[in-house]
Amino acid sequence: MPRLDKHLHYRIVGVSTIKELAARWYPKEFKKAPLKRQTHRALDDIRESIEELRYYRSTIFQH
């Protein structure tokens, strides 16, 4: 893990953090966010997270 740690920044914020902030600060926009399909596949989860971040960027981060 030390080699991986060299490539990560200490200011990384996860999708879950953004999602929780959106739920509290922008509940209307949060309710319109794309739903997860719950396929339990890593690649699907990554793609859905990217889609979710795009949604938040286009709505919430425009305020």
PDB file of N, CA and C in Angstrom:
ATOM      1  N   MET A   1       0.793  -1.209   0.000  1.00  0.00           N
ATOM      2  CA  MET A   1       0.000   0.000   0.000  1.00  0.00           C
ATOM      3  C   MET A   1       0.838   1.278   0.000  1.00  0.00           C
ATOM      4  N   PRO A   2       2.058   1.297   0.511  1.00  0.00           N
ATOM      5  CA  PRO A   2       2.828   2.538   0.493  1.00  0.00           C
ATOM      6  C   PRO A   2       3.024   3.088  -0.920  1.00  0.00           C
ATOM      7  N   ARG A   3       3.201   2.212  -1.901  1.00  0.00           N
ATOM      8  CA  ARG A   3       3.371   2.690  -3.280  1.00  0.00           C
ATOM      9  C   ARG A   3       2.098   3.354  -3.776  1.00  0.00           C
ATOM     10  N   LEU A   4       0.959   2.803  -3.453  1.00  0.00           N
ATOM     11  CA  LEU A   4      -0.317   3.400  -3.845  1.00  0.00           C
ATOM     12  C   LEU A   4      -0.512   4.734  -3.143  1.00  0.00           C
ATOM     13  N   ASP A   5      -0.163   4.787  -1.883  1.00  0.00           N
ATOM     14  CA  ASP A   5      -0.337   6.003  -1.090  1.00  0.00           C
ATOM     15  C   ASP A   5       0.421   7.190  -1.683  1.00  0.00           C
ATOM     16  N   LYS A   6       1.538   6.943  -2.334  1.00  0.00           N
ATOM     17  CA  LYS A   6       2.316   8.019  -2.956  1.00  0.00           C
ATOM     18  C   LYS A   6       1.535   8.727  -4.059  1.00  0.00           C
ATOM     19  N   HIS A   7       0.587   8.034  -4.671  1.00  0.00           N
ATOM     20  CA  HIS A   7      -0.170   8.590  -5.792  1.00  0.00           C
ATOM     21  C   HIS A   7      -1.481   9.241  -5.367  1.00  0.00           C
ATOM     22  N   LEU A   8      -1.854   9.094  -4.125  1.00  0.00           N
ATOM     23  CA  LEU A   8      -3.112   9.647  -3.641  1.00  0.00           C
ATOM     24  C   LEU A   8      -2.862  10.955  -2.907  1.00  0.00           C
ATOM     25  N   HIS A   9      -3.816  11.822  -2.984  1.00  0.00           N
ATOM     26  CA  HIS A   9      -3.715  13.115  -2.315  1.00  0.00           C
ATOM     27  C   HIS A   9      -4.538  13.066  -1.034  1.00  0.00           C
ATOM     28  N   TYR A  10      -4.104  13.747  -0.004  1.00  0.00           N
ATOM     29  CA  TYR A  10      -4.809  13.703   1.278  1.00  0.00           C
ATOM     30  C   TYR A  10      -6.150  14.416   1.230  1.00  0.00           C
ATOM     31  N   ARG A  11      -6.429  15.162   0.184  1.00  0.00           N
ATOM     32  CA  ARG A  11      -7.695  15.887   0.069  1.00  0.00           C
ATOM     33  C   ARG A  11      -8.742  15.142  -0.754  1.00  0.00           C
ATOM     34  N   ILE A  12      -8.555  13.889  -0.990  1.00  0.00           N
ATOM     35  CA  ILE A  12      -9.520  13.108  -1.758  1.00  0.00           C
ATOM     36  C   ILE A  12     -10.855  13.074  -1.016  1.00  0.00           C
ATOM     37  N   VAL A  13     -11.919  13.345  -1.753  1.00  0.00           N
ATOM     38  CA  VAL A  13     -13.269  13.298  -1.193  1.00  0.00           C
ATOM     39  C   VAL A  13     -14.030  12.225  -1.957  1.00  0.00           C
ATOM     40  N   GLY A  14     -14.662  11.316  -1.244  1.00  0.00           N
ATOM     41  CA  GLY A  14     -15.375  10.226  -1.882  1.00  0.00           C
ATOM     42  C   GLY A  14     -16.758  10.618  -2.376  1.00  0.00           C
ATOM     43  N   VAL A  15     -17.283   9.809  -3.262  1.00  0.00           N
ATOM     44  CA  VAL A  15     -18.627  10.028  -3.797  1.00  0.00           C
ATOM     45  C   VAL A  15     -19.647  10.000  -2.667  1.00  0.00           C
ATOM     46  N   SER A  16     -19.449   9.128  -1.699  1.00  0.00           N
ATOM     47  CA  SER A  16     -20.390   9.030  -0.578  1.00  0.00           C
ATOM     48  C   SER A  16     -20.453  10.327   0.216  1.00  0.00           C
ATOM     49  N   THR A  17     -19.324  10.993   0.364  1.00  0.00           N
ATOM     50  CA  THR A  17     -19.301  12.271   1.077  1.00  0.00           C
ATOM     51  C   THR A  17     -20.113  13.314   0.326  1.00  0.00           C
ATOM     52  N   ILE A  18     -19.902  13.398  -0.975  1.00  0.00           N
ATOM     53  CA  ILE A  18     -20.648  14.357  -1.795  1.00  0.00           C
ATOM     54  C   ILE A  18     -22.138  14.036  -1.745  1.00  0.00           C
ATOM     55  N   LYS A  19     -22.456  12.754  -1.814  1.00  0.00           N
ATOM     56  CA  LYS A  19     -23.854  12.318  -1.765  1.00  0.00           C
ATOM     57  C   LYS A  19     -24.513  12.726  -0.445  1.00  0.00           C
ATOM     58  N   GLU A  20     -23.824  12.528   0.665  1.00  0.00           N
ATOM     59  CA  GLU A  20     -24.377  12.888   1.972  1.00  0.00           C
ATOM     60  C   GLU A  20     -24.561  14.394   2.108  1.00  0.00           C
ATOM     61  N   LEU A  21     -23.610  15.170   1.614  1.00  0.00           N
ATOM     62  CA  LEU A  21     -23.750  16.627   1.653  1.00  0.00           C
ATOM     63  C   LEU A  21     -24.914  17.082   0.777  1.00  0.00           C
ATOM     64  N   ALA A  22     -25.055  16.480  -0.387  1.00  0.00           N
ATOM     65  CA  ALA A  22     -26.163  16.824  -1.284  1.00  0.00           C
ATOM     66  C   ALA A  22     -27.501  16.524  -0.622  1.00  0.00           C
ATOM     67  N   ALA A  23     -27.591  15.401   0.056  1.00  0.00           N
ATOM     68  CA  ALA A  23     -28.845  15.021   0.721  1.00  0.00           C
ATOM     69  C   ALA A  23     -29.250  16.041   1.778  1.00  0.00           C
ATOM     70  N   ARG A  24     -28.266  16.623   2.445  1.00  0.00           N
ATOM     71  CA  ARG A  24     -28.560  17.573   3.516  1.00  0.00           C
ATOM     72  C   ARG A  24     -28.703  19.008   3.024  1.00  0.00           C
ATOM     73  N   TRP A  25     -27.870  19.407   2.064  1.00  0.00           N
ATOM     74  CA  TRP A  25     -27.856  20.800   1.632  1.00  0.00           C
ATOM     75  C   TRP A  25     -28.742  21.077   0.419  1.00  0.00           C
ATOM     76  N   TYR A  26     -28.926  20.079  -0.441  1.00  0.00           N
ATOM     77  CA  TYR A  26     -29.723  20.246  -1.661  1.00  0.00           C
ATOM     78  C   TYR A  26     -30.668  19.051  -1.823  1.00  0.00           C
ATOM     79  N   PRO A  27     -31.621  18.879  -0.919  1.00  0.00           N
ATOM     80  CA  PRO A  27     -32.470  17.680  -0.949  1.00  0.00           C
ATOM     81  C   PRO A  27     -33.268  17.512  -2.244  1.00  0.00           C
ATOM     82  N   LYS A  28     -33.700  18.598  -2.858  1.00  0.00           N
ATOM     83  CA  LYS A  28     -34.463  18.474  -4.111  1.00  0.00           C
ATOM     84  C   LYS A  28     -33.602  17.879  -5.218  1.00  0.00           C
ATOM     85  N   GLU A  29     -32.386  18.386  -5.360  1.00  0.00           N
ATOM     86  CA  GLU A  29     -31.483  17.859  -6.381  1.00  0.00           C
ATOM     87  C   GLU A  29     -31.054  16.431  -6.051  1.00  0.00           C
ATOM     88  N   PHE A  30     -30.863  16.159  -4.772  1.00  0.00           N
ATOM     89  CA  PHE A  30     -30.451  14.819  -4.352  1.00  0.00           C
ATOM     90  C   PHE A  30     -31.483  13.770  -4.763  1.00  0.00           C
ATOM     91  N   LYS A  31     -32.752  14.090  -4.602  1.00  0.00           N
ATOM     92  CA  LYS A  31     -33.812  13.130  -4.936  1.00  0.00           C
ATOM     93  C   LYS A  31     -33.867  12.822  -6.428  1.00  0.00           C
ATOM     94  N   LYS A  32     -33.318  13.700  -7.252  1.00  0.00           N
ATOM     95  CA  LYS A  32     -33.324  13.498  -8.702  1.00  0.00           C
ATOM     96  C   LYS A  32     -32.056  12.801  -9.204  1.00  0.00           C
ATOM     97  N   ALA A  33     -31.140  12.500  -8.313  1.00  0.00           N
ATOM     98  CA  ALA A  33     -29.872  11.867  -8.702  1.00  0.00           C
ATOM     99  C   ALA A  33     -30.132  10.483  -9.288  1.00  0.00           C
ATOM    100  N   PRO A  34     -29.265  10.049 -10.203  1.00  0.00           N
ATOM    101  CA  PRO A  34     -29.437   8.711 -10.791  1.00  0.00           C
ATOM    102  C   PRO A  34     -29.381   7.625  -9.719  1.00  0.00           C
ATOM    103  N   LEU A  35     -30.223   6.638  -9.872  1.00  0.00           N
ATOM    104  CA  LEU A  35     -30.275   5.528  -8.914  1.00  0.00           C
ATOM    105  C   LEU A  35     -29.231   4.475  -9.252  1.00  0.00           C
ATOM    106  N   LYS A  36     -28.718   3.839  -8.219  1.00  0.00           N
ATOM    107  CA  LYS A  36     -27.787   2.724  -8.408  1.00  0.00           C
ATOM    108  C   LYS A  36     -28.593   1.482  -8.775  1.00  0.00           C
ATOM    109  N   ARG A  37     -28.037   0.669  -9.656  1.00  0.00           N
ATOM    110  CA  ARG A  37     -28.741  -0.529 -10.112  1.00  0.00           C
ATOM    111  C   ARG A  37     -28.490  -1.743  -9.205  1.00  0.00           C
ATOM    112  N   GLN A  38     -27.530  -1.623  -8.291  1.00  0.00           N
ATOM    113  CA  GLN A  38     -27.232  -2.685  -7.315  1.00  0.00           C
ATOM    114  C   GLN A  38     -26.879  -4.020  -7.980  1.00  0.00           C
ATOM    115  N   THR A  39     -26.035  -3.978  -9.007  1.00  0.00           N
ATOM    116  CA  THR A  39     -25.633  -5.215  -9.681  1.00  0.00           C
ATOM    117  C   THR A  39     -24.520  -5.948  -8.933  1.00  0.00           C
ATOM    118  N   HIS A  40     -23.891  -5.265  -7.974  1.00  0.00           N
ATOM    119  CA  HIS A  40     -22.810  -5.846  -7.169  1.00  0.00           C
ATOM    120  C   HIS A  40     -21.610  -6.245  -8.027  1.00  0.00           C
ATOM    121  N   ARG A  41     -21.362  -5.449  -9.072  1.00  0.00           N
ATOM    122  CA  ARG A  41     -20.184  -5.664  -9.918  1.00  0.00           C
ATOM    123  C   ARG A  41     -19.327  -4.402  -9.837  1.00  0.00           C
ATOM    124  N   ALA A  42     -18.038  -4.582  -9.646  1.00  0.00           N
ATOM    125  CA  ALA A  42     -17.137  -3.442  -9.425  1.00  0.00           C
ATOM    126  C   ALA A  42     -17.177  -2.442 -10.576  1.00  0.00           C
ATOM    127  N   LEU A  43     -17.094  -2.917 -11.809  1.00  0.00           N
ATOM    128  CA  LEU A  43     -17.077  -2.006 -12.950  1.00  0.00           C
ATOM    129  C   LEU A  43     -18.390  -1.242 -13.068  1.00  0.00           C
ATOM    130  N   ASP A  44     -19.499  -1.909 -12.813  1.00  0.00           N
ATOM    131  CA  ASP A  44     -20.797  -1.224 -12.831  1.00  0.00           C
ATOM    132  C   ASP A  44     -20.847  -0.141 -11.761  1.00  0.00           C
ATOM    133  N   ASP A  45     -20.327  -0.441 -10.585  1.00  0.00           N
ATOM    134  CA  ASP A  45     -20.327   0.536  -9.494  1.00  0.00           C
ATOM    135  C   ASP A  45     -19.475   1.752  -9.842  1.00  0.00           C
ATOM    136  N   ILE A  46     -18.339   1.524 -10.466  1.00  0.00           N
ATOM    137  CA  ILE A  46     -17.470   2.634 -10.880  1.00  0.00           C
ATOM    138  C   ILE A  46     -18.185   3.512 -11.900  1.00  0.00           C
ATOM    139  N   ARG A  47     -18.793   2.886 -12.885  1.00  0.00           N
ATOM    140  CA  ARG A  47     -19.506   3.650 -13.919  1.00  0.00           C
ATOM    141  C   ARG A  47     -20.681   4.431 -13.332  1.00  0.00           C
ATOM    142  N   GLU A  48     -21.404   3.819 -12.432  1.00  0.00           N
ATOM    143  CA  GLU A  48     -22.537   4.500 -11.798  1.00  0.00           C
ATOM    144  C   GLU A  48     -22.058   5.658 -10.921  1.00  0.00           C
ATOM    145  N   SER A  49     -20.935   5.487 -10.260  1.00  0.00           N
ATOM    146  CA  SER A  49     -20.386   6.570  -9.439  1.00  0.00           C
ATOM    147  C   SER A  49     -19.957   7.747 -10.309  1.00  0.00           C
ATOM    148  N   ILE A  50     -19.370   7.464 -11.449  1.00  0.00           N
ATOM    149  CA  ILE A  50     -18.989   8.527 -12.382  1.00  0.00           C
ATOM    150  C   ILE A  50     -20.228   9.252 -12.881  1.00  0.00           C
ATOM    151  N   GLU A  51     -21.268   8.496 -13.219  1.00  0.00           N
ATOM    152  CA  GLU A  51     -22.527   9.094 -13.660  1.00  0.00           C
ATOM    153  C   GLU A  51     -23.120   9.979 -12.556  1.00  0.00           C
ATOM    154  N   GLU A  52     -23.061   9.493 -11.343  1.00  0.00           N
ATOM    155  CA  GLU A  52     -23.579  10.245 -10.201  1.00  0.00           C
ATOM    156  C   GLU A  52     -22.790  11.542  -9.993  1.00  0.00           C
ATOM    157  N   LEU A  53     -21.474  11.465 -10.089  1.00  0.00           N
ATOM    158  CA  LEU A  53     -20.650  12.667  -9.941  1.00  0.00           C
ATOM    159  C   LEU A  53     -20.925  13.673 -11.046  1.00  0.00           C
ATOM    160  N   ARG A  54     -21.139  13.198 -12.259  1.00  0.00           N
ATOM    161  CA  ARG A  54     -21.489  14.106 -13.362  1.00  0.00           C
ATOM    162  C   ARG A  54     -22.795  14.829 -13.059  1.00  0.00           C
ATOM    163  N   TYR A  55     -23.752  14.105 -12.519  1.00  0.00           N
ATOM    164  CA  TYR A  55     -25.030  14.721 -12.157  1.00  0.00           C
ATOM    165  C   TYR A  55     -24.815  15.816 -11.115  1.00  0.00           C
ATOM    166  N   TYR A  56     -24.088  15.503 -10.054  1.00  0.00           N
ATOM    167  CA  TYR A  56     -23.860  16.494  -8.999  1.00  0.00           C
ATOM    168  C   TYR A  56     -23.089  17.703  -9.537  1.00  0.00           C
ATOM    169  N   ARG A  57     -22.138  17.460 -10.402  1.00  0.00           N
ATOM    170  CA  ARG A  57     -21.371  18.570 -10.973  1.00  0.00           C
ATOM    171  C   ARG A  57     -22.265  19.477 -11.805  1.00  0.00           C
ATOM    172  N   SER A  58     -23.184  18.894 -12.557  1.00  0.00           N
ATOM    173  CA  SER A  58     -24.038  19.702 -13.441  1.00  0.00           C
ATOM    174  C   SER A  58     -25.184  20.393 -12.703  1.00  0.00           C
ATOM    175  N   THR A  59     -25.499  19.946 -11.500  1.00  0.00           N
ATOM    176  CA  THR A  59     -26.609  20.560 -10.765  1.00  0.00           C
ATOM    177  C   THR A  59     -26.129  21.316  -9.534  1.00  0.00           C
ATOM    178  N   ILE A  60     -25.622  20.613  -8.583  1.00  0.00           N
ATOM    179  CA  ILE A  60     -25.257  21.207  -7.300  1.00  0.00           C
ATOM    180  C   ILE A  60     -24.060  22.147  -7.408  1.00  0.00           C
ATOM    181  N   PHE A  61     -23.040  21.754  -8.132  1.00  0.00           N
ATOM    182  CA  PHE A  61     -21.836  22.583  -8.195  1.00  0.00           C
ATOM    183  C   PHE A  61     -21.993  23.776  -9.130  1.00  0.00           C
ATOM    184  N   GLN A  62     -23.179  23.968  -9.678  1.00  0.00           N
ATOM    185  CA  GLN A  62     -23.451  25.142 -10.501  1.00  0.00           C
ATOM    186  C   GLN A  62     -24.017  26.280  -9.667  1.00  0.00           C
ATOM    187  N   HIS A  63     -24.339  26.021  -8.411  1.00  0.00           N
ATOM    188  CA  HIS A  63     -24.945  27.041  -7.540  1.00  0.00           C
ATOM    189  C   HIS A  63     -23.943  28.074  -7.136  1.00  0.00           C
TER     190      HIS A  63
END
